């Protein structure tokens, strides 16, 4: 599974995903764990709901790309570490999917997307909504741990001379486009 570089599309989708996911996790946990004025908490909730709603089609596109790429990867020829990396990435995609789906299902009001579009809340049963809130919080915690492990793996790879950041950077895209 040696990858020489990533397509422009994969790089953009990766960094868009990273920015949205890290922002929503950090800001969401911050307002949940630190006493902030109600208006700040409401603003963060509004931004996070809007941002993740707009992000969902991009994530579906990214998930499709991952599945399409993994589909052509022969797992039997992968080393143990490559299988572990594939499994970890699949787990991240699965967890992000759970976070996004439960984020929608836990809504106790219409989903306001940056004041431009309102989407009806999908559930009205308070017990079901509470269940999805619980699943959402736990899946956000799991996702946070997976991201820490992902970043840790990148650091280890970089220290071992495997330039994964270079391959996942916009500079590598510019270099490869110049060569063509």
Protein backbone atom coordinates (compact mmCIF):
# COMPACT_ATOMS: atom_id res chain seq x y z
CA UNK A 1 0.00 0.00 0.00
CA UNK A 2 2.81 2.40 -0.75
CA UNK A 3 1.30 5.72 -1.69
CA UNK A 4 3.49 8.18 -3.54
CA UNK A 5 1.08 11.05 -3.19
CA UNK A 6 -2.53 11.93 -2.81
CA UNK A 7 -4.76 13.53 -5.40
CA UNK A 8 -5.67 17.18 -5.10
CA UNK A 9 -9.21 16.13 -4.25
CA UNK A 10 -8.10 13.83 -1.42
CA UNK A 11 -5.81 16.50 0.05
CA UNK A 12 -8.52 19.17 0.00
CA UNK A 13 -11.10 16.81 1.49
CA UNK A 14 -8.66 15.69 4.18
CA UNK A 15 -7.80 19.21 5.35
CA UNK A 16 -11.41 20.41 5.10
CA UNK A 17 -12.44 17.44 7.22
CA UNK A 18 -9.64 18.05 9.69
CA UNK A 19 -10.56 21.72 10.10
CA UNK A 20 -14.28 21.09 10.57
CA UNK A 21 -13.86 18.10 12.86
CA UNK A 22 -11.17 19.63 15.06
CA UNK A 23 -13.06 22.95 15.34
CA UNK A 24 -16.37 21.31 16.26
CA UNK A 25 -14.82 18.89 18.74
CA UNK A 26 -12.67 21.51 20.49
CA UNK A 27 -15.35 24.21 20.59
CA UNK A 28 -18.08 21.73 21.54
CA UNK A 29 -16.10 20.22 24.39
CA UNK A 30 -15.01 23.68 25.50
CA UNK A 31 -18.54 25.02 25.94
CA UNK A 32 -19.60 21.72 27.53
CA UNK A 33 -16.76 21.64 30.07
CA UNK A 34 -16.05 25.32 30.77
CA UNK A 35 -18.59 27.71 32.18
CA UNK A 36 -19.25 30.24 29.44
CA UNK A 37 -22.04 32.78 29.01
CA UNK A 38 -25.18 31.32 27.46
CA UNK A 39 -24.85 33.46 24.33
CA UNK A 40 -21.39 32.01 23.61
CA UNK A 41 -22.67 28.49 24.06
CA UNK A 42 -25.59 29.26 21.73
CA UNK A 43 -23.29 30.81 19.11
CA UNK A 44 -20.94 27.82 19.19
CA UNK A 45 -23.91 25.45 18.88
CA UNK A 46 -25.31 27.47 15.96
CA UNK A 47 -21.95 27.57 14.15
CA UNK A 48 -21.24 23.88 14.79
CA UNK A 49 -24.68 22.71 13.65
CA UNK A 50 -24.49 24.88 10.52
CA UNK A 51 -20.89 23.95 9.74
CA UNK A 52 -21.38 20.21 10.14
CA UNK A 53 -24.60 20.28 8.12
CA UNK A 54 -22.78 21.95 5.23
CA UNK A 55 -19.85 19.54 5.75
CA UNK A 56 -21.96 16.38 5.42
CA UNK A 57 -21.98 16.17 1.60
CA UNK A 58 -18.20 16.70 1.56
CA UNK A 59 -17.80 13.92 4.11
CA UNK A 60 -20.00 11.59 2.04
CA UNK A 61 -17.80 12.41 -0.97
CA UNK A 62 -14.69 11.69 1.09
CA UNK A 63 -16.17 8.45 2.43
CA UNK A 64 -17.00 7.39 -1.12
CA UNK A 65 -13.40 8.09 -2.17
CA UNK A 66 -12.06 6.10 0.78
CA UNK A 67 -14.27 3.11 0.02
CA UNK A 68 -13.43 3.28 -3.69
CA UNK A 69 -9.69 3.42 -2.89
CA UNK A 70 -9.87 0.67 -0.24
CA UNK A 71 -11.91 -1.51 -2.58
CA UNK A 72 -8.94 -1.84 -4.91
CA UNK A 73 -6.50 -2.50 -2.08
CA UNK A 74 -5.69 -6.17 -1.67
CA UNK A 75 -5.61 -6.60 2.10
CA UNK A 76 -3.77 -9.90 1.79
CA UNK A 77 -0.64 -8.19 0.42
CA UNK A 78 -0.57 -5.50 3.10
CA UNK A 79 1.85 -5.64 5.99
CA UNK A 80 0.51 -5.77 9.52
CA UNK A 81 1.14 -2.03 9.98
CA UNK A 82 -0.60 -1.20 6.70
CA UNK A 83 -3.62 -3.29 7.75
CA UNK A 84 -3.61 -1.53 11.09
CA UNK A 85 -3.53 1.86 9.35
CA UNK A 86 -6.39 0.84 7.05
CA UNK A 87 -8.40 -0.37 10.05
CA UNK A 88 -7.71 2.85 11.98
CA UNK A 89 -8.81 4.98 9.04
CA UNK A 90 -11.96 2.88 8.60
CA UNK A 91 -12.68 3.33 12.31
CA UNK A 92 -12.27 7.10 11.98
CA UNK A 93 -14.69 7.18 9.03
CA UNK A 94 -17.20 5.02 10.92
CA UNK A 95 -16.96 7.19 14.02
CA UNK A 96 -17.35 10.44 12.05
CA UNK A 97 -20.43 8.91 10.42
CA UNK A 98 -21.90 8.07 13.85
CA UNK A 99 -21.10 11.58 15.13
CA UNK A 100 -22.77 13.25 12.14
CA UNK A 101 -25.86 11.00 12.13
CA UNK A 102 -26.41 11.26 15.88
CA UNK A 103 -25.79 15.00 15.65
CA UNK A 104 -28.79 15.27 13.36
CA UNK A 105 -30.95 12.81 15.30
CA UNK A 106 -30.32 14.55 18.65
CA UNK A 107 -31.68 17.89 17.43
CA UNK A 108 -34.56 19.12 19.59
CA UNK A 109 -35.37 21.98 17.23
CA UNK A 110 -35.19 22.64 13.48
CA UNK A 111 -31.68 22.63 12.04
CA UNK A 112 -30.81 26.23 11.17
CA UNK A 113 -28.06 26.34 8.56
CA UNK A 114 -26.40 29.76 8.88
CA UNK A 115 -29.82 31.44 8.89
CA UNK A 116 -30.30 30.46 5.23
CA UNK A 117 -32.14 27.15 5.43
CA UNK A 118 -34.17 25.43 8.12
CA UNK A 119 -34.34 21.64 8.12
CA UNK A 120 -37.08 20.04 10.21
CA UNK A 121 -35.89 18.16 13.24
CA UNK A 122 -36.10 14.46 12.41
CA UNK A 123 -37.34 13.20 15.80
CA UNK A 124 -39.80 14.50 18.34
CA UNK A 125 -39.63 11.76 20.98
CA UNK A 126 -37.63 13.22 23.93
CA UNK A 127 -36.40 9.78 25.04
CA UNK A 128 -35.00 9.01 21.58
CA UNK A 129 -33.44 12.46 21.35
CA UNK A 130 -31.80 11.93 24.76
CA UNK A 131 -30.48 8.55 23.63
CA UNK A 132 -28.91 10.12 20.54
CA UNK A 133 -27.40 12.91 22.65
CA UNK A 134 -25.68 10.26 24.78
CA UNK A 135 -24.45 8.32 21.73
CA UNK A 136 -23.28 11.59 20.16
CA UNK A 137 -21.26 12.63 23.20
CA UNK A 138 -19.60 9.21 23.54
CA UNK A 139 -18.84 9.01 19.82
CA UNK A 140 -17.29 12.50 19.99
CA UNK A 141 -15.05 11.26 22.80
CA UNK A 142 -14.06 8.20 20.76
CA UNK A 143 -13.42 10.39 17.71
CA UNK A 144 -11.21 12.68 19.80
CA UNK A 145 -9.12 9.71 20.91
CA UNK A 146 -8.88 8.42 17.34
CA UNK A 147 -7.70 11.83 16.14
CA UNK A 148 -5.05 11.96 18.86
CA UNK A 149 -3.88 8.50 17.79
CA UNK A 150 -3.93 9.58 14.13
CA UNK A 151 -1.82 12.66 14.83
CA UNK A 152 0.48 10.55 16.99
CA UNK A 153 0.95 8.08 14.14
CA UNK A 154 1.77 10.95 11.77
CA UNK A 155 4.39 12.23 14.21
CA UNK A 156 5.93 8.75 14.53
CA UNK A 157 6.00 8.36 10.73
CA UNK A 158 7.65 11.75 10.32
CA UNK A 159 10.27 10.93 12.96
CA UNK A 160 11.00 7.64 11.15
CA UNK A 161 11.51 9.46 7.85
CA UNK A 162 8.21 8.51 6.23
CA UNK A 163 7.09 11.88 4.89
CA UNK A 164 3.31 11.49 5.18
CA UNK A 165 2.80 15.20 5.80
CA UNK A 166 4.65 16.07 2.63
CA UNK A 167 2.46 13.67 0.65
CA UNK A 168 -0.70 15.12 2.23
CA UNK A 169 0.34 18.75 1.72
CA UNK A 170 -0.71 21.27 -0.88
CA UNK A 171 2.98 21.70 -1.81
CA UNK A 172 3.12 18.13 -3.11
CA UNK A 173 0.13 18.90 -5.32
CA UNK A 174 1.86 21.96 -6.77
CA UNK A 175 5.05 19.95 -7.37
CA UNK A 176 3.22 17.08 -9.06
CA UNK A 177 1.21 19.48 -11.25
CA UNK A 178 4.41 21.19 -12.36
CA UNK A 179 5.89 17.84 -13.38
CA UNK A 180 2.91 17.04 -15.63
